[in-house]
Protein backbone atom coordinates (compact mmCIF):
# COMPACT_ATOMS: atom_id res chain seq x y z
CA GLU A 1 141.22 55.92 74.37
CA GLU A 2 139.17 58.04 71.61
CA LYS A 3 139.36 55.05 68.99
CA ALA A 4 137.86 52.50 71.76
CA ARG A 5 135.34 55.19 72.53
CA ILE A 6 133.92 55.15 69.20
CA GLU A 7 133.83 51.41 68.76
CA LEU A 8 131.76 51.16 71.59
CA ASP A 9 129.69 54.17 70.01
CA LYS A 10 129.74 51.81 66.88
CA THR A 11 128.76 48.71 68.70
CA THR A 12 125.94 50.37 71.16
CA ASN A 13 123.94 52.93 68.61
CA PRO A 14 124.61 51.62 65.06
CA GLU A 15 121.49 53.90 64.17
CA LYS A 16 123.82 56.49 63.64
CA TYR A 17 126.48 55.01 61.63
CA ILE A 18 123.65 53.96 58.61
CA LYS A 19 124.12 56.10 55.43
CA VAL A 20 122.76 56.41 52.04
CA ILE A 21 124.94 56.60 49.49
CA ASN A 22 123.27 56.93 46.17
CA THR A 23 119.69 57.12 45.42
CA SER A 24 117.56 57.84 42.38
CA TRP A 25 114.02 57.10 41.18
CA GLU A 26 112.61 56.54 38.10
CA GLU A 27 108.56 55.81 36.96
CA GLY A 28 107.34 52.45 36.67
CA GLY A 29 103.39 51.59 36.27
CA PHE A 30 102.44 53.66 32.85
CA GLY A 31 104.27 56.90 34.69
CA THR A 32 102.38 56.55 37.60
CA VAL A 33 104.67 54.57 40.29
CA ALA A 34 107.96 55.62 41.93
CA LEU A 35 110.57 52.99 41.56
CA ALA A 36 113.76 53.97 43.88
CA THR A 37 117.08 52.77 43.84
CA PHE A 38 119.37 53.26 47.07
CA THR A 39 122.90 52.10 48.81
CA LEU A 40 123.00 52.12 52.28
CA LYS A 41 126.37 51.79 53.92
CA ASN A 42 126.48 50.15 57.18
CA GLU A 43 129.57 51.61 58.98
CA SER A 44 128.58 50.13 62.41
CA LEU A 45 129.73 47.44 64.13
CA ARG A 46 126.41 45.64 64.12
CA ASP A 47 124.16 43.54 61.37
CA VAL A 48 120.92 45.41 60.69
CA GLY A 49 117.64 44.31 59.26
CA ASP A 50 114.22 45.72 58.30
CA ILE A 51 115.53 49.01 57.25
CA GLU A 52 112.65 51.94 57.55
CA MET A 53 112.90 54.65 54.81
CA LYS A 54 111.69 57.63 54.27
CA PHE A 55 110.98 59.11 50.80
CA THR A 56 110.06 63.01 50.14
CA PHE A 57 109.12 63.84 46.56
CA LYS A 58 109.80 67.56 45.60
CA GLY A 59 108.17 69.43 42.36
CA GLU A 60 110.58 71.74 40.56
CA SER A 61 110.52 74.56 43.18
CA GLY A 62 111.62 72.45 46.04
CA THR A 63 107.90 72.37 47.40
CA ILE A 64 107.25 69.04 49.22
CA LEU A 65 104.47 67.37 47.31
CA GLY A 66 104.47 63.99 49.25
CA THR A 67 106.44 61.69 51.66
CA GLU A 68 106.53 57.86 51.58
CA GLN A 69 107.91 55.72 54.32
CA LYS A 70 108.51 51.83 54.00
CA VAL A 71 110.37 48.68 55.56
CA ILE A 72 112.66 47.05 53.82
CA PRO A 73 113.17 43.81 54.77
CA ILE A 74 116.95 43.06 53.95
CA VAL A 75 119.86 42.39 56.22
CA VAL A 76 122.93 45.00 55.54
CA LYS A 77 125.99 43.52 57.51
CA LYS A 78 128.67 45.85 59.27
CA GLY A 79 131.34 47.74 57.34
CA GLN A 80 129.30 46.41 54.10
CA SER A 81 127.22 48.18 51.45
CA LYS A 82 123.95 47.10 49.94
CA THR A 83 121.95 48.13 46.58
CA VAL A 84 118.34 48.09 46.77
CA ARG A 85 117.02 48.39 42.90
CA LYS A 86 113.62 49.41 41.84
CA GLU A 87 111.87 49.81 45.30
CA ASN A 88 108.27 50.18 44.36
CA LEU A 89 106.96 53.12 46.64
CA GLY A 90 103.74 53.23 45.10
CA PHE A 91 101.69 56.28 43.03
CA HIS A 92 104.06 59.23 43.58
CA PRO A 93 102.51 62.78 43.76
CA GLN A 94 102.18 64.30 40.19
CA ASN A 95 104.54 66.74 38.96
CA ALA A 96 107.08 65.14 41.33
CA ALA A 97 110.64 66.55 39.97
CA THR A 98 113.06 65.33 42.80
CA MET A 99 113.07 62.69 45.58
CA SER A 100 115.31 62.40 48.39
CA THR A 101 116.14 59.06 50.42
CA GLU A 102 116.72 59.24 54.04
CA PHE A 103 117.43 56.25 56.58
CA VAL A 104 115.27 56.18 59.60
CA SER A 105 115.89 53.42 61.52
CA PHE A 106 115.79 49.49 61.73
CA LYS A 107 113.76 46.96 63.16
CA LYS A 108 116.03 44.27 63.66
CA LEU A 109 119.80 43.72 65.01
CA MET A 110 121.02 40.54 63.44
CA ASP A 111 123.72 39.37 65.59
C-alpha cells in the first residue's frame, strides 16, 4: 500500500523530509557579521539533531559571493518545526544582497 511505503520512507530516509520553510538574514557586528534566522520543518517520522546547514550569499546580480556551512546543535522533533534565530555565520562577503539557506544533513538520529 502506498501509505505504508511513504511511512517506511519517512522512517528510513528522514533526510528527505527536512525542509527550510522560512529564511532571512541581517547584519550584526557593525555591519560585518551575518545573522541568519530560519525555520526547519521535520516531516519525517524520526527526531533529528545536529543539523548541517549551508548558507549561500549572492550579490545584487545573482553572482555567488561566498558560502558558509555549519552544524547547528539543535533537535527537530518528528512532525514539528523549529526556528533558529540570529545564528551567527561570521563575516559575510562584502556586497552580499541575498542569502539562501539549505538543509544539508543531520549528524544524529535522536530516537
